[in-house]
Amino acid sequence: MSDRVRTVVEDTLANLELTYKEHGPGRYFVTLPGEKKLQTNCWLIEGDNSFAVEAFVCRRPDEAHEEVYRYLLRRNTTLYGVHYAIDKIGDIYLVGRIALESVTEAELDKLLGQVLEAADGDFNILLEIGFASSIKREWDWRVSRGESLANLQAFKHLIEPSNGEHRPVSDS
């Protein structure tokens, strides 16, 4: 790893107060804090001629694959420096690559900001599209057991009344 890139990466991560661990020369595992997606794990990797960012967003959708992938392709048109991609099993990532000469504190801040904005901002949308049935089953299971629905409140609009009756929407 070049001393310049190492200094830029470490200074940027320190200035942003981000938790990270170096995994060998030129490989950083960074945790970005979020709100909807509580954290996004991100790799920063220096290559021979480029600098890459890779972040896991969510696992392969259970359903509505075409709609999820259409959303991702459309979303790609509005992202800076990164784009959505899927791996061979269908898990969703944000990936990007810039020239080594482009690695500056300002550029790294923009890239990490874009990763966080996209992963956190799109997370619930991806869950709603690709995991709606699972969310509904989880809601029903929690209601049947009297469990808290607090972390499912963002999805209460997915729960349709059954037999014309209103289903309970508890904040507990």
N, C-alpha and C. Protein backbone atom coordinates (compact mmCIF):
# COMPACT_ATOMS: atom_id res chain seq x y z
N MET A 1 0.85 -1.17 0.00
CA MET A 1 0.00 0.00 0.00
C MET A 1 0.89 1.23 0.00
N SER A 2 0.52 2.17 -0.83
CA SER A 2 1.32 3.39 -0.86
C SER A 2 1.10 4.18 0.44
N ASP A 3 2.14 4.86 0.87
CA ASP A 3 2.04 5.65 2.10
C ASP A 3 0.99 6.75 1.95
N ARG A 4 0.90 7.34 0.74
CA ARG A 4 -0.06 8.41 0.52
C ARG A 4 -1.49 7.90 0.70
N VAL A 5 -1.82 6.77 0.07
CA VAL A 5 -3.18 6.23 0.16
C VAL A 5 -3.48 5.80 1.60
N ARG A 6 -2.52 5.15 2.25
CA ARG A 6 -2.72 4.73 3.64
C ARG A 6 -3.05 5.94 4.52
N THR A 7 -2.29 7.01 4.36
CA THR A 7 -2.50 8.22 5.16
C THR A 7 -3.88 8.80 4.88
N VAL A 8 -4.26 8.89 3.61
CA VAL A 8 -5.57 9.43 3.25
C VAL A 8 -6.68 8.58 3.86
N VAL A 9 -6.59 7.27 3.71
CA VAL A 9 -7.64 6.38 4.22
C VAL A 9 -7.74 6.50 5.74
N GLU A 10 -6.62 6.37 6.42
CA GLU A 10 -6.66 6.39 7.88
C GLU A 10 -7.08 7.75 8.43
N ASP A 11 -6.62 8.83 7.80
CA ASP A 11 -7.03 10.17 8.24
C ASP A 11 -8.52 10.38 8.01
N THR A 12 -9.01 9.95 6.87
CA THR A 12 -10.43 10.12 6.55
C THR A 12 -11.29 9.34 7.53
N LEU A 13 -10.95 8.07 7.76
CA LEU A 13 -11.74 7.24 8.68
C LEU A 13 -11.71 7.81 10.10
N ALA A 14 -10.56 8.31 10.51
CA ALA A 14 -10.45 8.92 11.85
C ALA A 14 -11.29 10.20 11.92
N ASN A 15 -11.19 11.05 10.90
CA ASN A 15 -11.96 12.29 10.89
C ASN A 15 -13.46 12.05 10.86
N LEU A 16 -13.88 10.96 10.21
CA LEU A 16 -15.30 10.61 10.15
C LEU A 16 -15.74 9.81 11.37
N GLU A 17 -14.79 9.50 12.25
CA GLU A 17 -15.05 8.73 13.47
C GLU A 17 -15.70 7.38 13.15
N LEU A 18 -15.16 6.72 12.13
CA LEU A 18 -15.68 5.41 11.73
C LEU A 18 -14.85 4.29 12.33
N THR A 19 -15.53 3.22 12.69
CA THR A 19 -14.86 2.04 13.21
C THR A 19 -14.33 1.24 12.02
N TYR A 20 -13.06 0.82 12.12
CA TYR A 20 -12.48 0.04 11.04
C TYR A 20 -11.37 -0.84 11.56
N LYS A 21 -11.02 -1.82 10.75
CA LYS A 21 -9.90 -2.70 11.06
C LYS A 21 -9.14 -2.95 9.77
N GLU A 22 -7.84 -2.87 9.85
CA GLU A 22 -7.01 -3.16 8.68
C GLU A 22 -6.79 -4.67 8.61
N HIS A 23 -7.04 -5.23 7.44
CA HIS A 23 -6.88 -6.67 7.19
C HIS A 23 -5.80 -6.86 6.14
N GLY A 24 -4.58 -6.60 6.52
CA GLY A 24 -3.47 -6.70 5.57
C GLY A 24 -3.26 -5.38 4.88
N PRO A 25 -2.15 -5.27 4.18
CA PRO A 25 -1.83 -4.01 3.50
C PRO A 25 -2.90 -3.61 2.48
N GLY A 26 -3.40 -2.41 2.62
CA GLY A 26 -4.34 -1.87 1.65
C GLY A 26 -5.75 -2.44 1.71
N ARG A 27 -6.12 -3.10 2.82
CA ARG A 27 -7.46 -3.69 2.96
C ARG A 27 -8.06 -3.26 4.30
N TYR A 28 -9.12 -2.45 4.22
CA TYR A 28 -9.78 -1.95 5.42
C TYR A 28 -11.22 -2.43 5.45
N PHE A 29 -11.65 -2.92 6.61
CA PHE A 29 -13.04 -3.32 6.84
C PHE A 29 -13.66 -2.23 7.72
N VAL A 30 -14.62 -1.51 7.14
CA VAL A 30 -15.18 -0.32 7.78
C VAL A 30 -16.65 -0.56 8.11
N THR A 31 -17.08 -0.08 9.26
CA THR A 31 -18.48 -0.16 9.65
C THR A 31 -19.09 1.23 9.59
N LEU A 32 -20.10 1.37 8.72
CA LEU A 32 -20.82 2.64 8.58
C LEU A 32 -22.12 2.55 9.38
N PRO A 33 -22.35 3.46 10.32
CA PRO A 33 -23.58 3.41 11.13
C PRO A 33 -24.76 3.96 10.32
N GLY A 34 -25.92 3.34 10.49
CA GLY A 34 -27.10 3.78 9.77
C GLY A 34 -28.31 3.90 10.68
N GLU A 35 -29.45 4.17 10.07
CA GLU A 35 -30.70 4.27 10.81
C GLU A 35 -31.64 3.13 10.46
N LYS A 36 -31.96 2.97 9.19
CA LYS A 36 -32.85 1.88 8.77
C LYS A 36 -32.07 0.57 8.73
N LYS A 37 -30.94 0.59 8.11
CA LYS A 37 -30.00 -0.53 8.14
C LYS A 37 -29.00 -0.12 9.21
N LEU A 38 -29.03 -0.78 10.33
CA LEU A 38 -28.29 -0.31 11.50
C LEU A 38 -26.80 -0.13 11.25
N GLN A 39 -26.24 -0.98 10.39
CA GLN A 39 -24.84 -0.79 10.00
C GLN A 39 -24.63 -1.39 8.62
N THR A 40 -23.70 -0.79 7.91
CA THR A 40 -23.30 -1.29 6.60
C THR A 40 -21.82 -1.58 6.67
N ASN A 41 -21.47 -2.83 6.42
CA ASN A 41 -20.07 -3.22 6.41
C ASN A 41 -19.50 -3.00 5.02
N CYS A 42 -18.32 -2.42 4.99
CA CYS A 42 -17.75 -1.94 3.74
C CYS A 42 -16.26 -2.26 3.68
N TRP A 43 -15.80 -2.76 2.55
CA TRP A 43 -14.37 -2.97 2.32
C TRP A 43 -13.82 -1.83 1.50
N LEU A 44 -12.65 -1.34 1.89
CA LEU A 44 -11.87 -0.41 1.09
C LEU A 44 -10.60 -1.16 0.72
N ILE A 45 -10.33 -1.27 -0.58
CA ILE A 45 -9.24 -2.13 -1.04
C ILE A 45 -8.40 -1.39 -2.07
N GLU A 46 -7.12 -1.26 -1.75
CA GLU A 46 -6.18 -0.68 -2.70
C GLU A 46 -5.65 -1.78 -3.60
N GLY A 47 -5.81 -1.60 -4.91
CA GLY A 47 -5.25 -2.53 -5.88
C GLY A 47 -3.99 -1.94 -6.49
N ASP A 48 -3.47 -2.62 -7.51
CA ASP A 48 -2.26 -2.13 -8.17
C ASP A 48 -2.49 -0.80 -8.87
N ASN A 49 -3.66 -0.63 -9.48
CA ASN A 49 -3.93 0.57 -10.26
C ASN A 49 -5.21 1.29 -9.87
N SER A 50 -5.96 0.72 -8.93
CA SER A 50 -7.24 1.33 -8.57
C SER A 50 -7.55 1.11 -7.09
N PHE A 51 -8.56 1.80 -6.64
CA PHE A 51 -9.01 1.72 -5.26
C PHE A 51 -10.48 1.35 -5.31
N ALA A 52 -10.86 0.27 -4.60
CA ALA A 52 -12.22 -0.25 -4.66
C ALA A 52 -12.94 -0.08 -3.33
N VAL A 53 -14.25 0.07 -3.45
CA VAL A 53 -15.14 0.05 -2.30
C VAL A 53 -16.20 -1.01 -2.58
N GLU A 54 -16.47 -1.86 -1.59
CA GLU A 54 -17.46 -2.93 -1.72
C GLU A 54 -18.24 -3.01 -0.42
N ALA A 55 -19.58 -2.94 -0.52
CA ALA A 55 -20.41 -2.97 0.68
C ALA A 55 -21.59 -3.92 0.48
N PHE A 56 -21.80 -4.80 1.45
CA PHE A 56 -22.96 -5.69 1.44
C PHE A 56 -24.19 -4.87 1.82
N VAL A 57 -25.27 -5.02 1.03
CA VAL A 57 -26.51 -4.29 1.31
C VAL A 57 -27.58 -5.23 1.87
N CYS A 58 -27.90 -6.30 1.15
CA CYS A 58 -28.86 -7.27 1.67
C CYS A 58 -28.75 -8.58 0.91
N ARG A 59 -29.28 -9.62 1.54
CA ARG A 59 -29.20 -10.94 0.93
C ARG A 59 -30.16 -11.04 -0.26
N ARG A 60 -30.04 -12.13 -0.96
CA ARG A 60 -30.88 -12.39 -2.14
C ARG A 60 -32.35 -12.29 -1.76
N PRO A 61 -33.13 -11.54 -2.53
CA PRO A 61 -34.56 -11.41 -2.23
C PRO A 61 -35.25 -12.77 -2.29
N ASP A 62 -36.27 -12.93 -1.45
CA ASP A 62 -37.07 -14.15 -1.45
C ASP A 62 -38.07 -14.17 -2.60
N GLU A 63 -38.47 -12.99 -3.05
CA GLU A 63 -39.55 -12.88 -4.04
C GLU A 63 -39.36 -11.61 -4.86
N ALA A 64 -40.16 -11.47 -5.89
CA ALA A 64 -40.20 -10.26 -6.73
C ALA A 64 -38.82 -9.86 -7.22
N HIS A 65 -38.03 -10.85 -7.65
CA HIS A 65 -36.66 -10.58 -8.11
C HIS A 65 -36.61 -9.54 -9.22
N GLU A 66 -37.47 -9.69 -10.19
CA GLU A 66 -37.44 -8.76 -11.33
C GLU A 66 -37.70 -7.33 -10.87
N GLU A 67 -38.64 -7.15 -9.97
CA GLU A 67 -38.95 -5.81 -9.46
C GLU A 67 -37.77 -5.25 -8.65
N VAL A 68 -37.14 -6.09 -7.84
CA VAL A 68 -35.98 -5.65 -7.06
C VAL A 68 -34.86 -5.23 -8.00
N TYR A 69 -34.55 -6.05 -8.99
CA TYR A 69 -33.45 -5.74 -9.90
C TYR A 69 -33.76 -4.53 -10.77
N ARG A 70 -35.01 -4.34 -11.14
CA ARG A 70 -35.41 -3.14 -11.88
C ARG A 70 -35.17 -1.91 -11.01
N TYR A 71 -35.55 -2.00 -9.73
CA TYR A 71 -35.32 -0.89 -8.81
C TYR A 71 -33.83 -0.56 -8.74
N LEU A 72 -32.99 -1.60 -8.60
CA LEU A 72 -31.54 -1.39 -8.49
C LEU A 72 -30.97 -0.75 -9.74
N LEU A 73 -31.39 -1.22 -10.90
CA LEU A 73 -30.89 -0.64 -12.15
C LEU A 73 -31.28 0.82 -12.29
N ARG A 74 -32.51 1.13 -11.93
CA ARG A 74 -32.94 2.54 -11.99
C ARG A 74 -32.16 3.38 -10.97
N ARG A 75 -31.96 2.82 -9.81
CA ARG A 75 -31.24 3.55 -8.75
C ARG A 75 -29.79 3.81 -9.15
N ASN A 76 -29.19 2.89 -9.91
CA ASN A 76 -27.81 3.07 -10.37
C ASN A 76 -27.61 4.38 -11.11
N THR A 77 -28.65 4.86 -11.77
CA THR A 77 -28.52 6.09 -12.56
C THR A 77 -28.35 7.33 -11.70
N THR A 78 -28.61 7.21 -10.40
CA THR A 78 -28.55 8.39 -9.53
C THR A 78 -27.40 8.32 -8.51
N LEU A 79 -26.61 7.27 -8.55
CA LEU A 79 -25.55 7.08 -7.56
C LEU A 79 -24.23 7.70 -8.02
N TYR A 80 -23.45 8.17 -7.06
CA TYR A 80 -22.14 8.74 -7.35
C TYR A 80 -21.05 7.74 -6.98
N GLY A 81 -20.24 7.35 -7.93
CA GLY A 81 -19.04 6.57 -7.67
C GLY A 81 -19.23 5.10 -7.34
N VAL A 82 -20.44 4.68 -7.09
CA VAL A 82 -20.73 3.28 -6.81
C VAL A 82 -21.96 2.87 -7.60
N HIS A 83 -22.17 1.58 -7.69
CA HIS A 83 -23.38 1.06 -8.33
C HIS A 83 -23.78 -0.24 -7.66
N TYR A 84 -25.05 -0.58 -7.81
CA TYR A 84 -25.53 -1.84 -7.27
C TYR A 84 -25.08 -2.98 -8.16
N ALA A 85 -24.79 -4.10 -7.53
CA ALA A 85 -24.41 -5.32 -8.23
C ALA A 85 -24.91 -6.50 -7.40
N ILE A 86 -24.98 -7.65 -8.03
CA ILE A 86 -25.34 -8.87 -7.31
C ILE A 86 -24.23 -9.89 -7.50
N ASP A 87 -24.05 -10.74 -6.50
CA ASP A 87 -23.05 -11.81 -6.63
C ASP A 87 -23.71 -13.04 -7.24
N LYS A 88 -22.97 -14.13 -7.32
CA LYS A 88 -23.47 -15.32 -8.03
C LYS A 88 -24.67 -15.96 -7.35
N ILE A 89 -24.91 -15.67 -6.07
CA ILE A 89 -26.11 -16.23 -5.43
C ILE A 89 -27.24 -15.21 -5.32
N GLY A 90 -27.00 -13.99 -5.78
CA GLY A 90 -28.04 -12.98 -5.81
C GLY A 90 -28.04 -11.99 -4.67
N ASP A 91 -27.05 -12.06 -3.77
CA ASP A 91 -26.94 -11.06 -2.71
C ASP A 91 -26.59 -9.71 -3.34
N ILE A 92 -27.05 -8.64 -2.71
CA ILE A 92 -26.95 -7.30 -3.27
C ILE A 92 -25.81 -6.52 -2.60
N TYR A 93 -24.99 -5.89 -3.43
CA TYR A 93 -23.83 -5.12 -2.98
C TYR A 93 -23.82 -3.76 -3.64
N LEU A 94 -23.10 -2.84 -3.04
CA LEU A 94 -22.70 -1.59 -3.69
C LEU A 94 -21.21 -1.71 -3.95
N VAL A 95 -20.80 -1.42 -5.17
CA VAL A 95 -19.39 -1.53 -5.54
C VAL A 95 -18.97 -0.30 -6.33
N GLY A 96 -17.70 0.04 -6.21
CA GLY A 96 -17.17 1.16 -6.97
C GLY A 96 -15.66 1.03 -7.08
N ARG A 97 -15.10 1.74 -8.04
CA ARG A 97 -13.66 1.69 -8.26
C ARG A 97 -13.23 3.05 -8.81
N ILE A 98 -12.15 3.58 -8.22
CA ILE A 98 -11.60 4.84 -8.70
C ILE A 98 -10.10 4.66 -8.91
N ALA A 99 -9.51 5.57 -9.67
CA ALA A 99 -8.06 5.55 -9.89
C ALA A 99 -7.36 5.87 -8.57
N LEU A 100 -6.20 5.27 -8.36
CA LEU A 100 -5.44 5.52 -7.13
C LEU A 100 -5.15 7.01 -6.96
N GLU A 101 -4.87 7.69 -8.06
CA GLU A 101 -4.58 9.13 -7.98
C GLU A 101 -5.78 9.93 -7.48
N SER A 102 -6.99 9.37 -7.61
CA SER A 102 -8.21 10.06 -7.19
C SER A 102 -8.52 9.91 -5.71
N VAL A 103 -7.74 9.09 -5.01
CA VAL A 103 -8.00 8.87 -3.59
C VAL A 103 -7.54 10.09 -2.80
N THR A 104 -8.54 10.88 -2.39
CA THR A 104 -8.31 12.03 -1.53
C THR A 104 -9.31 11.94 -0.38
N GLU A 105 -9.08 12.73 0.64
CA GLU A 105 -10.02 12.70 1.77
C GLU A 105 -11.42 13.11 1.31
N ALA A 106 -11.51 14.13 0.47
CA ALA A 106 -12.82 14.59 -0.02
C ALA A 106 -13.51 13.51 -0.85
N GLU A 107 -12.75 12.84 -1.73
CA GLU A 107 -13.34 11.81 -2.59
C GLU A 107 -13.77 10.59 -1.78
N LEU A 108 -12.96 10.18 -0.83
CA LEU A 108 -13.30 9.04 0.01
C LEU A 108 -14.52 9.36 0.87
N ASP A 109 -14.60 10.57 1.37
CA ASP A 109 -15.77 11.00 2.14
C ASP A 109 -17.02 10.93 1.28
N LYS A 110 -16.94 11.39 0.02
CA LYS A 110 -18.10 11.34 -0.88
C LYS A 110 -18.51 9.91 -1.17
N LEU A 111 -17.53 9.04 -1.43
CA LEU A 111 -17.84 7.63 -1.72
C LEU A 111 -18.50 6.94 -0.53
N LEU A 112 -17.92 7.12 0.65
CA LEU A 112 -18.50 6.50 1.84
C LEU A 112 -19.88 7.09 2.15
N GLY A 113 -20.03 8.38 1.94
CA GLY A 113 -21.34 9.01 2.12
C GLY A 113 -22.37 8.44 1.17
N GLN A 114 -21.97 8.20 -0.08
CA GLN A 114 -22.90 7.64 -1.05
C GLN A 114 -23.26 6.20 -0.69
N VAL A 115 -22.28 5.42 -0.25
CA VAL A 115 -22.56 4.05 0.17
C VAL A 115 -23.57 4.06 1.31
N LEU A 116 -23.34 4.89 2.30
CA LEU A 116 -24.24 4.95 3.45
C LEU A 116 -25.63 5.43 3.04
N GLU A 117 -25.69 6.48 2.25
CA GLU A 117 -26.99 7.01 1.82
C GLU A 117 -27.78 5.96 1.05
N ALA A 118 -27.13 5.26 0.15
CA ALA A 118 -27.82 4.26 -0.67
C ALA A 118 -28.21 3.04 0.16
N ALA A 119 -27.26 2.46 0.89
CA ALA A 119 -27.55 1.25 1.66
C ALA A 119 -28.62 1.51 2.71
N ASP A 120 -28.49 2.61 3.42
CA ASP A 120 -29.45 2.93 4.48
C ASP A 120 -30.78 3.40 3.89
N GLY A 121 -30.71 4.26 2.89
CA GLY A 121 -31.92 4.82 2.31
C GLY A 121 -32.74 3.83 1.51
N ASP A 122 -32.10 2.87 0.86
CA ASP A 122 -32.81 1.90 0.03
C ASP A 122 -33.18 0.62 0.77
N PHE A 123 -32.66 0.44 1.97
CA PHE A 123 -32.80 -0.83 2.68
C PHE A 123 -34.26 -1.24 2.87
N ASN A 124 -35.08 -0.38 3.45
CA ASN A 124 -36.48 -0.74 3.68
C ASN A 124 -37.24 -0.97 2.39
N ILE A 125 -36.92 -0.20 1.36
CA ILE A 125 -37.56 -0.38 0.05
C ILE A 125 -37.24 -1.77 -0.49
N LEU A 126 -35.97 -2.17 -0.40
CA LEU A 126 -35.58 -3.50 -0.87
C LEU A 126 -36.26 -4.59 -0.06
N LEU A 127 -36.39 -4.40 1.24
CA LEU A 127 -37.09 -5.38 2.07
C LEU A 127 -38.56 -5.46 1.70
N GLU A 128 -39.19 -4.31 1.49
CA GLU A 128 -40.61 -4.29 1.13
C GLU A 128 -40.87 -5.03 -0.18
N ILE A 129 -40.00 -4.83 -1.15
CA ILE A 129 -40.19 -5.46 -2.46
C ILE A 129 -39.82 -6.94 -2.40
N GLY A 130 -38.67 -7.24 -1.88
CA GLY A 130 -38.13 -8.60 -1.97
C GLY A 130 -38.43 -9.53 -0.82
N PHE A 131 -39.02 -9.01 0.28
CA PHE A 131 -39.25 -9.85 1.45
C PHE A 131 -40.62 -9.59 2.07
N ALA A 132 -41.59 -9.10 1.29
CA ALA A 132 -42.90 -8.73 1.84
C ALA A 132 -43.58 -9.91 2.52
N SER A 133 -43.55 -11.08 1.93
CA SER A 133 -44.21 -12.24 2.54
C SER A 133 -43.56 -12.62 3.86
N SER A 134 -42.26 -12.55 3.93
CA SER A 134 -41.54 -12.86 5.18
C SER A 134 -41.88 -11.84 6.26
N ILE A 135 -41.98 -10.59 5.87
CA ILE A 135 -42.32 -9.54 6.84
C ILE A 135 -43.73 -9.79 7.38
N LYS A 136 -44.65 -10.12 6.50
CA LYS A 136 -46.04 -10.39 6.93
C LYS A 136 -46.09 -11.60 7.87
N ARG A 137 -45.34 -12.66 7.53
CA ARG A 137 -45.31 -13.84 8.41
C ARG A 137 -44.71 -13.49 9.78
N GLU A 138 -43.65 -12.69 9.78
CA GLU A 138 -43.03 -12.28 11.04
C GLU A 138 -44.00 -11.45 11.86
N TRP A 139 -44.71 -10.55 11.21
CA TRP A 139 -45.70 -9.71 11.90
C TRP A 139 -46.75 -10.60 12.56
N ASP A 140 -47.32 -11.54 11.80
CA ASP A 140 -48.35 -12.45 12.33
C ASP A 140 -47.81 -13.28 13.49
N TRP A 141 -46.59 -13.78 13.36
CA TRP A 141 -46.01 -14.59 14.41
C TRP A 141 -45.85 -13.77 15.69
N ARG A 142 -45.37 -12.55 15.55
CA ARG A 142 -45.19 -11.70 16.73
C ARG A 142 -46.52 -11.35 17.38
N VAL A 143 -47.53 -11.04 16.56
CA VAL A 143 -48.85 -10.73 17.09
C VAL A 143 -49.39 -11.95 17.84
N SER A 144 -49.25 -13.14 17.29
CA SER A 144 -49.78 -14.36 17.92
C SER A 144 -49.11 -14.66 19.25
N ARG A 145 -47.89 -14.23 19.42
CA ARG A 145 -47.14 -14.49 20.66
C ARG A 145 -47.11 -13.27 21.59
N GLY A 146 -47.70 -12.18 21.16
CA GLY A 146 -47.67 -10.97 21.98
C GLY A 146 -46.30 -10.31 22.02
N GLU A 147 -45.50 -10.56 20.98
CA GLU A 147 -44.14 -10.01 20.91
C GLU A 147 -44.18 -8.56 20.39
N SER A 148 -43.10 -7.86 20.62
CA SER A 148 -42.98 -6.47 20.19
C SER A 148 -42.97 -6.36 18.67
N LEU A 149 -43.64 -5.33 18.19
CA LEU A 149 -43.64 -5.01 16.75
C LEU A 149 -42.82 -3.75 16.47
N ALA A 150 -42.09 -3.30 17.46
CA ALA A 150 -41.39 -2.01 17.37
C ALA A 150 -40.50 -1.91 16.14
N ASN A 151 -39.68 -2.93 15.88
CA ASN A 151 -38.77 -2.79 14.74
C ASN A 151 -39.41 -3.18 13.41
N LEU A 152 -40.71 -3.46 13.42
CA LEU A 152 -41.43 -3.72 12.17
C LEU A 152 -42.36 -2.57 11.79
N GLN A 153 -42.38 -1.51 12.59
CA GLN A 153 -43.32 -0.42 12.35
C GLN A 153 -43.16 0.22 10.98
N ALA A 154 -41.95 0.22 10.43
CA ALA A 154 -41.73 0.80 9.10
C ALA A 154 -42.49 0.03 8.02
N PHE A 155 -42.93 -1.18 8.37
CA PHE A 155 -43.59 -2.03 7.37
C PHE A 155 -45.07 -2.25 7.67
N LYS A 156 -45.64 -1.51 8.61
CA LYS A 156 -47.03 -1.75 8.98
C LYS A 156 -47.99 -1.51 7.83
N HIS A 157 -47.60 -0.68 6.86
CA HIS A 157 -48.47 -0.45 5.70
C HIS A 157 -48.59 -1.69 4.81
N LEU A 158 -47.69 -2.66 4.98
CA LEU A 158 -47.76 -3.91 4.21
C LEU A 158 -48.80 -4.88 4.77
N ILE A 159 -49.20 -4.65 6.00
CA ILE A 159 -50.11 -5.56 6.67
C ILE A 159 -51.54 -5.16 6.34
N GLU A 160 -52.21 -6.00 5.61
CA GLU A 160 -53.58 -5.72 5.18
C GLU A 160 -54.56 -6.29 6.20
N PRO A 161 -55.67 -5.59 6.42
CA PRO A 161 -56.68 -6.14 7.32
C PRO A 161 -57.21 -7.47 6.77
N SER A 162 -57.41 -8.43 7.65
CA SER A 162 -57.96 -9.72 7.21
C SER A 162 -59.45 -9.75 7.52
N ASN A 163 -60.25 -10.26 6.58
CA ASN A 163 -61.71 -10.37 6.74
C ASN A 163 -62.36 -9.05 7.13
N GLY A 164 -61.85 -7.95 6.61
CA GLY A 164 -62.43 -6.65 6.86
C GLY A 164 -62.15 -6.10 8.25
N GLU A 165 -61.42 -6.85 9.07
CA GLU A 165 -61.10 -6.38 10.41
C GLU A 165 -59.75 -5.67 10.40
N HIS A 166 -59.62 -4.71 11.26
CA HIS A 166 -58.32 -4.03 11.40
C HIS A 166 -57.42 -4.86 12.29
N ARG A 167 -56.19 -5.03 11.83
CA ARG A 167 -55.23 -5.79 12.62
C ARG A 167 -54.58 -4.87 13.63
N PRO A 168 -54.19 -5.39 14.77
CA PRO A 168 -53.55 -4.53 15.77
C PRO A 168 -52.20 -4.03 15.29
N VAL A 169 -51.96 -2.77 15.55
CA VAL A 169 -50.66 -2.18 15.25
C VAL A 169 -50.13 -1.64 16.57
N SER A 170 -49.29 -2.43 17.21
CA SER A 170 -48.80 -2.11 18.54
C SER A 170 -47.42 -1.49 18.45
N ASP A 171 -47.13 -0.55 19.31
CA ASP A 171 -45.81 0.04 19.40
C ASP A 171 -44.96 -0.65 20.45
N SER A 172 -45.50 -1.65 21.09
CA SER A 172 -44.75 -2.31 22.16
C SER A 172 -43.69 -3.23 21.62
